[in-house]
Amino acid sequence: MKPKIAVVEDNMDNRLLVWAILDDEYELSEYKSGTEVLEGLGDNIPDLVLLDISLPGMDGTEVLEWIRAQDALKALPVIALTAHAMSGDRDKYLEMEFDDYVTKPIVDDSHSPA
């Protein structure tokens, strides 16, 4: 059985890129908003969440706060996906209790020569 990843991203191009990179190795579920993923997590708890910070309505930091407040989800690994790549942003997101931080655009270098 493939590990499950919830991809929370409102931009279709970014969702398609994540899908293209990860679909062979992981079972992916996609959500376009914070509200959608909160509803989806009740039925289908993934092994990992890739969470865009800049979502319409409820942003990624609010989604993370909700996840961390749920007993059944508080240990769920959540990685921030963000276009914000300024100095200090990584530390800021890790202090918010994201497990890691990935900047966008995401680049698939799996087929690059070593």
N, C-alpha and C. Protein backbone atom coordinates (compact mmCIF):
# COMPACT_ATOMS: atom_id res chain seq x y z
N MET A 1 0.84 -1.18 0.00
CA MET A 1 0.00 0.00 0.00
C MET A 1 0.89 1.25 0.00
N LYS A 2 0.56 2.21 -0.87
CA LYS A 2 1.32 3.44 -0.97
C LYS A 2 1.02 4.35 0.23
N PRO A 3 2.04 5.09 0.71
CA PRO A 3 1.76 6.10 1.73
C PRO A 3 0.84 7.18 1.16
N LYS A 4 0.00 7.76 2.03
CA LYS A 4 -0.99 8.75 1.59
C LYS A 4 -0.51 10.17 1.89
N ILE A 5 -0.65 11.04 0.89
CA ILE A 5 -0.31 12.45 1.05
C ILE A 5 -1.51 13.29 0.65
N ALA A 6 -1.88 14.23 1.52
CA ALA A 6 -2.89 15.23 1.19
C ALA A 6 -2.18 16.46 0.66
N VAL A 7 -2.54 16.88 -0.54
CA VAL A 7 -1.95 18.06 -1.17
C VAL A 7 -2.99 19.17 -1.10
N VAL A 8 -2.67 20.23 -0.36
CA VAL A 8 -3.60 21.35 -0.19
C VAL A 8 -3.01 22.54 -0.92
N GLU A 9 -3.55 22.84 -2.09
CA GLU A 9 -2.98 23.85 -2.98
C GLU A 9 -4.10 24.39 -3.85
N ASP A 10 -4.27 25.72 -3.87
CA ASP A 10 -5.35 26.30 -4.67
C ASP A 10 -4.96 26.52 -6.13
N ASN A 11 -3.67 26.51 -6.44
CA ASN A 11 -3.21 26.75 -7.80
C ASN A 11 -3.14 25.43 -8.57
N MET A 12 -3.92 25.33 -9.65
CA MET A 12 -4.00 24.08 -10.40
C MET A 12 -2.64 23.66 -10.97
N ASP A 13 -1.86 24.59 -11.49
CA ASP A 13 -0.55 24.24 -12.04
C ASP A 13 0.35 23.61 -10.98
N ASN A 14 0.34 24.19 -9.78
CA ASN A 14 1.15 23.63 -8.70
C ASN A 14 0.65 22.24 -8.28
N ARG A 15 -0.67 22.05 -8.24
CA ARG A 15 -1.23 20.73 -7.91
C ARG A 15 -0.80 19.70 -8.96
N LEU A 16 -0.88 20.08 -10.23
CA LEU A 16 -0.50 19.16 -11.31
C LEU A 16 0.98 18.79 -11.22
N LEU A 17 1.82 19.75 -10.89
CA LEU A 17 3.25 19.47 -10.76
C LEU A 17 3.52 18.51 -9.60
N VAL A 18 2.90 18.75 -8.46
CA VAL A 18 3.06 17.84 -7.31
C VAL A 18 2.57 16.46 -7.70
N TRP A 19 1.44 16.41 -8.38
CA TRP A 19 0.87 15.13 -8.81
C TRP A 19 1.86 14.40 -9.73
N ALA A 20 2.43 15.12 -10.69
CA ALA A 20 3.36 14.50 -11.64
C ALA A 20 4.61 13.95 -10.95
N ILE A 21 5.06 14.64 -9.91
CA ILE A 21 6.27 14.21 -9.21
C ILE A 21 6.01 13.04 -8.26
N LEU A 22 4.87 13.05 -7.58
CA LEU A 22 4.64 12.11 -6.47
C LEU A 22 3.69 10.96 -6.76
N ASP A 23 2.91 11.04 -7.82
CA ASP A 23 1.82 10.07 -8.03
C ASP A 23 2.28 8.62 -8.14
N ASP A 24 3.45 8.37 -8.69
CA ASP A 24 3.91 6.98 -8.84
C ASP A 24 4.18 6.30 -7.50
N GLU A 25 4.63 7.06 -6.53
CA GLU A 25 5.07 6.48 -5.25
C GLU A 25 4.07 6.66 -4.11
N TYR A 26 3.10 7.56 -4.28
CA TYR A 26 2.19 7.90 -3.18
C TYR A 26 0.75 7.92 -3.63
N GLU A 27 -0.15 7.67 -2.70
CA GLU A 27 -1.58 7.85 -2.95
C GLU A 27 -1.91 9.29 -2.57
N LEU A 28 -2.29 10.08 -3.56
CA LEU A 28 -2.51 11.51 -3.34
C LEU A 28 -3.99 11.84 -3.27
N SER A 29 -4.31 12.75 -2.38
CA SER A 29 -5.64 13.36 -2.37
C SER A 29 -5.41 14.86 -2.44
N GLU A 30 -6.25 15.55 -3.21
CA GLU A 30 -6.02 16.98 -3.38
C GLU A 30 -7.19 17.79 -2.86
N TYR A 31 -6.83 18.95 -2.33
CA TYR A 31 -7.80 19.88 -1.77
C TYR A 31 -7.42 21.28 -2.23
N LYS A 32 -8.42 22.09 -2.54
CA LYS A 32 -8.17 23.42 -3.08
C LYS A 32 -8.29 24.53 -2.05
N SER A 33 -8.69 24.18 -0.82
CA SER A 33 -8.85 25.19 0.22
C SER A 33 -8.65 24.57 1.59
N GLY A 34 -8.46 25.44 2.57
CA GLY A 34 -8.33 24.97 3.94
C GLY A 34 -9.60 24.29 4.42
N THR A 35 -10.73 24.84 4.07
CA THR A 35 -12.01 24.26 4.48
C THR A 35 -12.17 22.85 3.91
N GLU A 36 -11.81 22.67 2.65
CA GLU A 36 -11.91 21.34 2.01
C GLU A 36 -11.07 20.30 2.74
N VAL A 37 -9.83 20.65 3.09
CA VAL A 37 -8.97 19.66 3.73
C VAL A 37 -9.45 19.34 5.13
N LEU A 38 -10.00 20.31 5.85
CA LEU A 38 -10.50 20.02 7.19
C LEU A 38 -11.66 19.03 7.13
N GLU A 39 -12.51 19.20 6.12
CA GLU A 39 -13.61 18.24 5.93
C GLU A 39 -13.06 16.87 5.53
N GLY A 40 -12.06 16.85 4.67
CA GLY A 40 -11.50 15.60 4.18
C GLY A 40 -10.71 14.83 5.22
N LEU A 41 -10.06 15.54 6.14
CA LEU A 41 -9.26 14.86 7.16
C LEU A 41 -10.11 14.07 8.13
N GLY A 42 -11.36 14.41 8.23
CA GLY A 42 -12.24 13.65 9.11
C GLY A 42 -12.45 12.23 8.64
N ASP A 43 -12.42 12.02 7.33
CA ASP A 43 -12.69 10.71 6.74
C ASP A 43 -11.44 9.96 6.32
N ASN A 44 -10.39 10.69 6.01
CA ASN A 44 -9.24 10.08 5.36
C ASN A 44 -7.96 10.72 5.91
N ILE A 45 -7.39 10.16 6.96
CA ILE A 45 -6.18 10.74 7.55
C ILE A 45 -4.97 10.26 6.76
N PRO A 46 -4.23 11.21 6.16
CA PRO A 46 -3.05 10.83 5.37
C PRO A 46 -1.83 10.59 6.27
N ASP A 47 -0.74 10.20 5.64
CA ASP A 47 0.53 10.04 6.34
C ASP A 47 1.30 11.36 6.40
N LEU A 48 0.93 12.29 5.50
CA LEU A 48 1.63 13.57 5.38
C LEU A 48 0.69 14.57 4.72
N VAL A 49 0.84 15.85 5.09
CA VAL A 49 0.09 16.93 4.43
C VAL A 49 1.10 17.91 3.83
N LEU A 50 0.94 18.21 2.54
CA LEU A 50 1.67 19.29 1.88
C LEU A 50 0.70 20.46 1.84
N LEU A 51 0.99 21.53 2.57
CA LEU A 51 0.02 22.58 2.82
C LEU A 51 0.50 23.93 2.32
N ASP A 52 -0.18 24.46 1.31
CA ASP A 52 0.10 25.80 0.81
C ASP A 52 -0.20 26.81 1.92
N ILE A 53 0.63 27.81 2.06
CA ILE A 53 0.41 28.84 3.07
C ILE A 53 -0.67 29.82 2.61
N SER A 54 -0.62 30.23 1.34
CA SER A 54 -1.53 31.26 0.83
C SER A 54 -2.76 30.64 0.18
N LEU A 55 -3.71 30.27 1.01
CA LEU A 55 -4.97 29.70 0.52
C LEU A 55 -6.08 30.73 0.65
N PRO A 56 -7.09 30.66 -0.21
CA PRO A 56 -8.22 31.57 -0.06
C PRO A 56 -9.02 31.22 1.20
N GLY A 57 -9.55 32.24 1.86
CA GLY A 57 -10.33 31.99 3.07
C GLY A 57 -9.41 31.65 4.22
N MET A 58 -9.47 30.42 4.65
CA MET A 58 -8.63 29.93 5.75
C MET A 58 -7.24 29.63 5.21
N ASP A 59 -6.21 30.37 5.66
CA ASP A 59 -4.87 30.15 5.11
C ASP A 59 -4.19 28.95 5.76
N GLY A 60 -3.02 28.62 5.24
CA GLY A 60 -2.32 27.42 5.70
C GLY A 60 -1.94 27.44 7.17
N THR A 61 -1.62 28.61 7.71
CA THR A 61 -1.27 28.66 9.13
C THR A 61 -2.49 28.38 10.01
N GLU A 62 -3.65 28.84 9.58
CA GLU A 62 -4.89 28.54 10.32
C GLU A 62 -5.23 27.06 10.24
N VAL A 63 -5.01 26.47 9.07
CA VAL A 63 -5.25 25.02 8.92
C VAL A 63 -4.32 24.25 9.85
N LEU A 64 -3.05 24.65 9.89
CA LEU A 64 -2.10 23.97 10.77
C LEU A 64 -2.53 24.08 12.23
N GLU A 65 -2.96 25.27 12.66
CA GLU A 65 -3.42 25.44 14.04
C GLU A 65 -4.56 24.48 14.35
N TRP A 66 -5.50 24.34 13.41
CA TRP A 66 -6.64 23.43 13.61
C TRP A 66 -6.15 21.99 13.71
N ILE A 67 -5.24 21.59 12.82
CA ILE A 67 -4.70 20.23 12.84
C ILE A 67 -4.02 19.95 14.17
N ARG A 68 -3.17 20.86 14.62
CA ARG A 68 -2.43 20.65 15.87
C ARG A 68 -3.35 20.62 17.10
N ALA A 69 -4.54 21.19 16.99
CA ALA A 69 -5.50 21.21 18.11
C ALA A 69 -6.32 19.92 18.20
N GLN A 70 -6.25 19.06 17.17
CA GLN A 70 -7.02 17.82 17.16
C GLN A 70 -6.17 16.68 17.70
N ASP A 71 -6.66 15.99 18.72
CA ASP A 71 -5.90 14.89 19.32
C ASP A 71 -5.50 13.84 18.28
N ALA A 72 -6.40 13.51 17.39
CA ALA A 72 -6.14 12.45 16.40
C ALA A 72 -5.17 12.90 15.30
N LEU A 73 -4.94 14.21 15.18
CA LEU A 73 -4.13 14.73 14.08
C LEU A 73 -2.87 15.46 14.52
N LYS A 74 -2.72 15.74 15.80
CA LYS A 74 -1.65 16.64 16.24
C LYS A 74 -0.25 16.15 15.87
N ALA A 75 -0.05 14.86 15.70
CA ALA A 75 1.27 14.33 15.32
C ALA A 75 1.43 14.18 13.81
N LEU A 76 0.39 14.53 13.05
CA LEU A 76 0.43 14.41 11.59
C LEU A 76 1.51 15.33 11.01
N PRO A 77 2.46 14.79 10.24
CA PRO A 77 3.49 15.65 9.63
C PRO A 77 2.86 16.59 8.60
N VAL A 78 3.21 17.88 8.71
CA VAL A 78 2.69 18.90 7.80
C VAL A 78 3.87 19.71 7.28
N ILE A 79 3.99 19.76 5.96
CA ILE A 79 5.06 20.53 5.31
C ILE A 79 4.44 21.75 4.65
N ALA A 80 5.00 22.92 4.95
CA ALA A 80 4.54 24.17 4.36
C ALA A 80 5.02 24.27 2.92
N LEU A 81 4.11 24.62 2.02
CA LEU A 81 4.45 24.94 0.63
C LEU A 81 4.22 26.43 0.46
N THR A 82 5.25 27.17 0.07
CA THR A 82 5.07 28.61 -0.02
C THR A 82 5.99 29.25 -1.05
N ALA A 83 5.51 30.33 -1.62
CA ALA A 83 6.32 31.13 -2.52
C ALA A 83 7.13 32.15 -1.72
N HIS A 84 6.85 32.27 -0.43
CA HIS A 84 7.58 33.20 0.44
C HIS A 84 8.92 32.58 0.80
N ALA A 85 9.97 33.12 0.22
CA ALA A 85 11.30 32.54 0.43
C ALA A 85 12.29 33.59 0.93
N MET A 86 11.80 34.49 1.75
CA MET A 86 12.65 35.53 2.30
C MET A 86 13.48 34.96 3.45
N SER A 87 14.56 35.62 3.75
CA SER A 87 15.39 35.22 4.88
C SER A 87 14.55 35.21 6.15
N GLY A 88 14.62 34.13 6.89
CA GLY A 88 13.87 34.01 8.13
C GLY A 88 12.53 33.34 7.99
N ASP A 89 12.01 33.20 6.76
CA ASP A 89 10.70 32.56 6.57
C ASP A 89 10.71 31.11 7.03
N ARG A 90 11.76 30.38 6.71
CA ARG A 90 11.83 28.97 7.09
C ARG A 90 11.73 28.83 8.61
N ASP A 91 12.52 29.61 9.33
CA ASP A 91 12.49 29.55 10.80
C ASP A 91 11.11 29.92 11.33
N LYS A 92 10.49 30.92 10.71
CA LYS A 92 9.16 31.35 11.14
C LYS A 92 8.16 30.20 11.01
N TYR A 93 8.17 29.50 9.89
CA TYR A 93 7.22 28.41 9.68
C TYR A 93 7.52 27.21 10.59
N LEU A 94 8.79 26.93 10.82
CA LEU A 94 9.13 25.83 11.73
C LEU A 94 8.71 26.16 13.16
N GLU A 95 8.82 27.43 13.55
CA GLU A 95 8.36 27.84 14.88
C GLU A 95 6.85 27.70 15.02
N MET A 96 6.13 27.80 13.91
CA MET A 96 4.67 27.63 13.93
C MET A 96 4.28 26.16 14.03
N GLU A 97 5.25 25.26 14.06
CA GLU A 97 5.06 23.82 14.18
C GLU A 97 4.80 23.11 12.85
N PHE A 98 5.19 23.74 11.73
CA PHE A 98 5.28 22.96 10.50
C PHE A 98 6.47 22.03 10.67
N ASP A 99 6.41 20.86 10.06
CA ASP A 99 7.52 19.91 10.18
C ASP A 99 8.66 20.22 9.22
N ASP A 100 8.33 20.89 8.13
CA ASP A 100 9.36 21.30 7.18
C ASP A 100 8.76 22.37 6.29
N TYR A 101 9.54 22.83 5.33
CA TYR A 101 9.22 24.00 4.52
C TYR A 101 9.77 23.76 3.12
N VAL A 102 8.93 23.92 2.11
CA VAL A 102 9.36 23.77 0.71
C VAL A 102 8.93 25.03 -0.03
N THR A 103 9.87 25.63 -0.76
CA THR A 103 9.53 26.83 -1.52
C THR A 103 9.03 26.46 -2.90
N LYS A 104 8.13 27.31 -3.40
CA LYS A 104 7.61 27.16 -4.76
C LYS A 104 8.29 28.20 -5.63
N PRO A 105 8.46 27.97 -6.88
CA PRO A 105 7.96 26.80 -7.59
C PRO A 105 8.78 25.56 -7.24
N ILE A 106 8.08 24.44 -7.21
CA ILE A 106 8.71 23.15 -6.95
C ILE A 106 9.37 22.70 -8.24
N VAL A 107 10.59 22.23 -8.14
CA VAL A 107 11.34 21.79 -9.32
C VAL A 107 11.57 20.29 -9.21
N ASP A 108 11.21 19.59 -10.26
CA ASP A 108 11.43 18.14 -10.31
C ASP A 108 12.82 17.89 -10.87
N ASP A 109 13.78 17.60 -9.98
CA ASP A 109 15.13 17.32 -10.44
C ASP A 109 15.46 15.83 -10.39
N SER A 110 14.42 15.00 -10.30
CA SER A 110 14.64 13.56 -10.19
C SER A 110 15.21 12.95 -11.48
N HIS A 111 15.08 13.66 -12.58
CA HIS A 111 15.58 13.14 -13.85
C HIS A 111 16.85 13.87 -14.30
N SER A 112 17.39 14.72 -13.43
CA SER A 112 18.61 15.45 -13.76
C SER A 112 19.83 14.56 -13.57
N PRO A 113 20.86 14.80 -14.35
CA PRO A 113 22.09 14.04 -14.12
C PRO A 113 22.68 14.41 -12.76
N ALA A 114 23.27 13.47 -12.10
CA ALA A 114 23.83 13.69 -10.76
C ALA A 114 25.09 14.49 -10.80
